Amino acid sequence: MFRRLFGRTAPPQPDTSAWWREANALAVSPDADRIAALKTQVCDPNEAPDVAESQEEMLEGLERLLALVQAPALPVVATQHRVIGQAVCHFLAPASLIDQVDAGGKLFVTSERLVFAAGTVQKWPWHAITAISRAERDVVIDLRGHPSAVRLRPNSYGDALLVVAVAERLRANRP
């Protein structure tokens, strides 16, 4: 807005669509060599600092995802938070519940369910989740019998990538 008031235009942003296509492909199938190649194509932070920061955040997330995929077992996060009960916690991150609550909270990915704890606690057992996916930094959860998806927003691309990967692994191992 201020640029328009003073007759200035925003500086042109680089076309990063190919970079993001490759990054999103790596989110489905991470590969160390392709991640390394993608690192060499990050925008110059002097020319587009916000774009470069988002790309660096995505790369960090892809590296965390690759480590998770290569690990023989899911990590176990030590927590005594009352909302998870006796379940094993495999991932924990700050997040916001989009469209329903405008407050930050914590997202727990446990052996039994996804749990979002803020002012209230919402729980989604694995058998009720029909699909879980990522859209940018958001985690989209489709629930059986619900017309609209639940959207959670972790603080980073890496957290969103890991929530989806851990959840998919837990859902795949359900009887």
Protein backbone atom coordinates (compact mmCIF):
# COMPACT_ATOMS: atom_id res chain seq x y z
CA MET A 1 0.00 0.00 0.00
CA PHE A 2 2.74 2.47 0.88
CA ARG A 3 4.48 1.72 -2.39
CA ARG A 4 1.36 2.73 -4.30
CA LEU A 5 1.02 5.95 -2.28
CA PHE A 6 4.54 6.99 -3.16
CA GLY A 7 4.44 5.79 -6.76
CA ARG A 8 6.80 2.89 -6.28
CA THR A 9 6.25 -0.62 -7.49
CA ALA A 10 7.26 -3.76 -5.67
CA PRO A 11 10.51 -5.26 -6.88
CA PRO A 12 9.98 -8.18 -9.24
CA GLN A 13 10.02 -11.58 -7.54
CA PRO A 14 11.92 -14.45 -9.12
CA ASP A 15 9.95 -17.28 -10.69
CA THR A 16 10.39 -20.11 -8.22
CA SER A 17 7.61 -22.36 -9.45
CA ALA A 18 10.01 -25.04 -10.74
CA TRP A 19 11.91 -24.97 -7.44
CA TRP A 20 8.70 -25.48 -5.45
CA ARG A 21 7.51 -28.25 -7.79
CA GLU A 22 10.76 -30.12 -7.12
CA ALA A 23 10.55 -29.43 -3.36
CA ASN A 24 6.98 -30.75 -3.24
CA ALA A 25 8.01 -33.84 -5.23
CA LEU A 26 10.78 -34.42 -2.67
CA ALA A 27 8.20 -34.14 0.11
CA VAL A 28 6.57 -37.25 -1.36
CA SER A 29 9.81 -39.11 -2.03
CA PRO A 30 12.84 -37.55 -0.30
CA ASP A 31 16.26 -38.13 -1.83
CA ALA A 32 19.56 -36.76 -0.49
CA ASP A 33 21.08 -36.04 -3.91
CA ARG A 34 18.00 -34.20 -5.14
CA ILE A 35 17.81 -32.18 -1.92
CA ALA A 36 21.48 -31.22 -2.35
CA ALA A 37 20.78 -30.15 -5.93
CA LEU A 38 17.79 -28.11 -4.79
CA LYS A 39 20.02 -26.30 -2.26
CA THR A 40 22.12 -24.93 -5.10
CA GLN A 41 19.02 -23.33 -6.63
CA VAL A 42 17.87 -21.28 -3.63
CA CYS A 43 17.12 -17.64 -4.42
CA ASP A 44 19.70 -15.04 -3.57
CA PRO A 45 18.72 -13.68 -0.14
CA ASN A 46 19.87 -10.20 -1.22
CA GLU A 47 17.43 -10.17 -4.13
CA ALA A 48 14.41 -11.90 -2.55
CA PRO A 49 14.94 -12.38 1.20
CA ASP A 50 11.43 -13.67 1.97
CA VAL A 51 11.54 -16.19 -0.85
CA ALA A 52 15.01 -17.38 0.13
CA GLU A 53 13.91 -17.75 3.76
CA SER A 54 10.90 -19.89 2.76
CA GLN A 55 13.10 -22.04 0.55
CA GLU A 56 15.67 -22.53 3.30
CA GLU A 57 12.88 -23.50 5.71
CA MET A 58 11.56 -26.04 3.21
CA LEU A 59 15.04 -27.49 2.68
CA GLU A 60 15.48 -27.89 6.43
CA GLY A 61 12.13 -29.67 6.52
CA LEU A 62 13.10 -31.95 3.65
CA GLU A 63 16.32 -32.91 5.45
CA ARG A 64 14.35 -33.70 8.62
CA LEU A 65 11.89 -35.73 6.54
CA LEU A 66 14.70 -37.68 4.88
CA ALA A 67 16.15 -38.53 8.32
CA LEU A 68 12.73 -39.70 9.49
CA VAL A 69 12.17 -41.85 6.41
CA GLN A 70 15.61 -43.44 6.77
CA ALA A 71 15.17 -44.16 10.49
CA PRO A 72 14.32 -47.77 11.34
CA ALA A 73 11.55 -46.71 13.73
CA LEU A 74 9.48 -43.67 14.52
CA PRO A 75 10.93 -41.36 17.14
CA VAL A 76 9.47 -41.41 20.64
CA VAL A 77 8.99 -38.03 22.27
CA ALA A 78 9.08 -38.06 26.05
CA THR A 79 6.12 -36.08 27.33
CA GLN A 80 3.86 -36.38 30.29
CA HIS A 81 1.17 -34.14 28.89
CA ARG A 82 -2.20 -35.29 30.18
CA VAL A 83 -3.95 -35.09 26.78
CA ILE A 84 -2.15 -38.10 25.35
CA GLY A 85 -2.85 -40.44 28.25
CA GLN A 86 -0.98 -43.72 27.90
CA ALA A 87 -0.36 -43.35 24.15
CA VAL A 88 3.17 -43.11 22.81
CA CYS A 89 3.96 -39.66 21.43
CA HIS A 90 5.89 -39.72 18.14
CA PHE A 91 5.84 -36.03 17.30
CA LEU A 92 4.99 -32.78 19.06
CA ALA A 93 4.93 -29.26 17.63
CA PRO A 94 3.31 -25.90 18.20
CA ALA A 95 0.41 -25.37 15.81
CA SER A 96 -2.81 -23.47 15.23
CA LEU A 97 -6.20 -24.90 14.36
CA ILE A 98 -7.33 -22.99 11.28
CA ASP A 99 -10.98 -22.01 10.72
CA GLN A 100 -12.17 -23.17 14.15
CA VAL A 101 -10.01 -21.66 16.85
CA ASP A 102 -7.80 -18.67 16.42
CA ALA A 103 -5.36 -19.68 19.10
CA GLY A 104 -2.07 -21.45 19.20
CA GLY A 105 -1.68 -24.77 20.86
CA LYS A 106 0.26 -28.02 20.65
CA LEU A 107 -0.19 -30.82 18.17
CA PHE A 108 0.63 -34.33 19.33
CA VAL A 109 0.98 -37.24 16.91
CA THR A 110 0.53 -40.35 19.03
CA SER A 111 0.23 -44.06 18.51
CA GLU A 112 -3.54 -43.78 18.97
CA ARG A 113 -4.57 -40.43 17.51
CA LEU A 114 -3.82 -36.85 16.57
CA VAL A 115 -4.41 -34.45 19.46
CA PHE A 116 -4.61 -30.67 19.34
CA ALA A 117 -4.47 -29.01 22.75
CA ALA A 118 -5.19 -25.32 23.13
CA GLY A 119 -8.06 -23.82 25.14
CA THR A 120 -9.94 -27.02 24.39
CA VAL A 121 -8.66 -30.43 23.38
CA GLN A 122 -9.60 -32.01 20.07
CA LYS A 123 -8.74 -35.62 19.31
CA TRP A 124 -8.94 -37.52 16.05
CA PRO A 125 -8.34 -41.29 16.32
CA TRP A 126 -6.57 -42.90 13.37
CA HIS A 127 -9.63 -44.95 12.37
CA ALA A 128 -11.63 -41.71 11.89
CA ILE A 129 -9.03 -40.10 9.60
CA THR A 130 -9.59 -40.95 5.95
CA ALA A 131 -6.68 -38.89 4.61
CA ILE A 132 -3.97 -36.56 5.83
CA SER A 133 -1.99 -34.28 3.54
CA ARG A 134 0.04 -31.09 3.41
CA ALA A 135 -0.81 -27.85 1.62
CA GLU A 136 2.15 -25.48 2.02
CA ARG A 137 2.59 -25.22 5.81
CA ASP A 138 -0.89 -26.55 6.58
CA VAL A 139 -1.82 -30.10 7.51
CA VAL A 140 -5.19 -31.09 6.08
CA ILE A 141 -7.11 -33.85 7.84
CA ASP A 142 -10.11 -35.48 6.18
CA LEU A 143 -12.41 -37.14 8.69
CA ARG A 144 -14.94 -39.89 8.15
CA GLY A 145 -18.47 -38.45 8.30
CA HIS A 146 -17.36 -34.78 8.23
CA PRO A 147 -18.09 -32.65 5.17
CA SER A 148 -15.10 -30.34 5.60
CA ALA A 149 -11.49 -31.01 6.43
CA VAL A 150 -9.72 -29.89 9.58
CA ARG A 151 -6.74 -27.65 8.90
CA LEU A 152 -3.82 -27.32 11.28
CA ARG A 153 -0.94 -24.93 10.76
CA PRO A 154 2.37 -25.89 12.36
CA ASN A 155 5.04 -23.20 12.60
CA SER A 156 7.22 -24.50 9.77
CA TYR A 157 7.29 -26.52 6.58
CA GLY A 158 9.41 -29.08 8.41
CA ASP A 159 6.83 -29.59 11.13
CA ALA A 160 4.07 -29.96 8.53
CA LEU A 161 6.15 -32.47 6.55
CA LEU A 162 6.88 -34.53 9.66
CA VAL A 163 3.29 -34.51 10.95
CA VAL A 164 2.09 -35.94 7.64
CA ALA A 165 4.92 -38.49 7.36
CA VAL A 166 4.53 -39.77 10.93
CA ALA A 167 0.74 -39.87 10.60
CA GLU A 168 0.91 -41.78 7.32
CA ARG A 169 3.30 -44.31 8.84
CA LEU A 170 1.06 -44.80 11.88
CA ARG A 171 -2.06 -45.11 9.73
CA ALA A 172 -0.36 -47.63 7.43
CA ASN A 173 0.53 -49.84 10.39
CA ARG A 174 -3.04 -49.97 11.74
CA PRO A 175 -4.84 -53.31 11.53
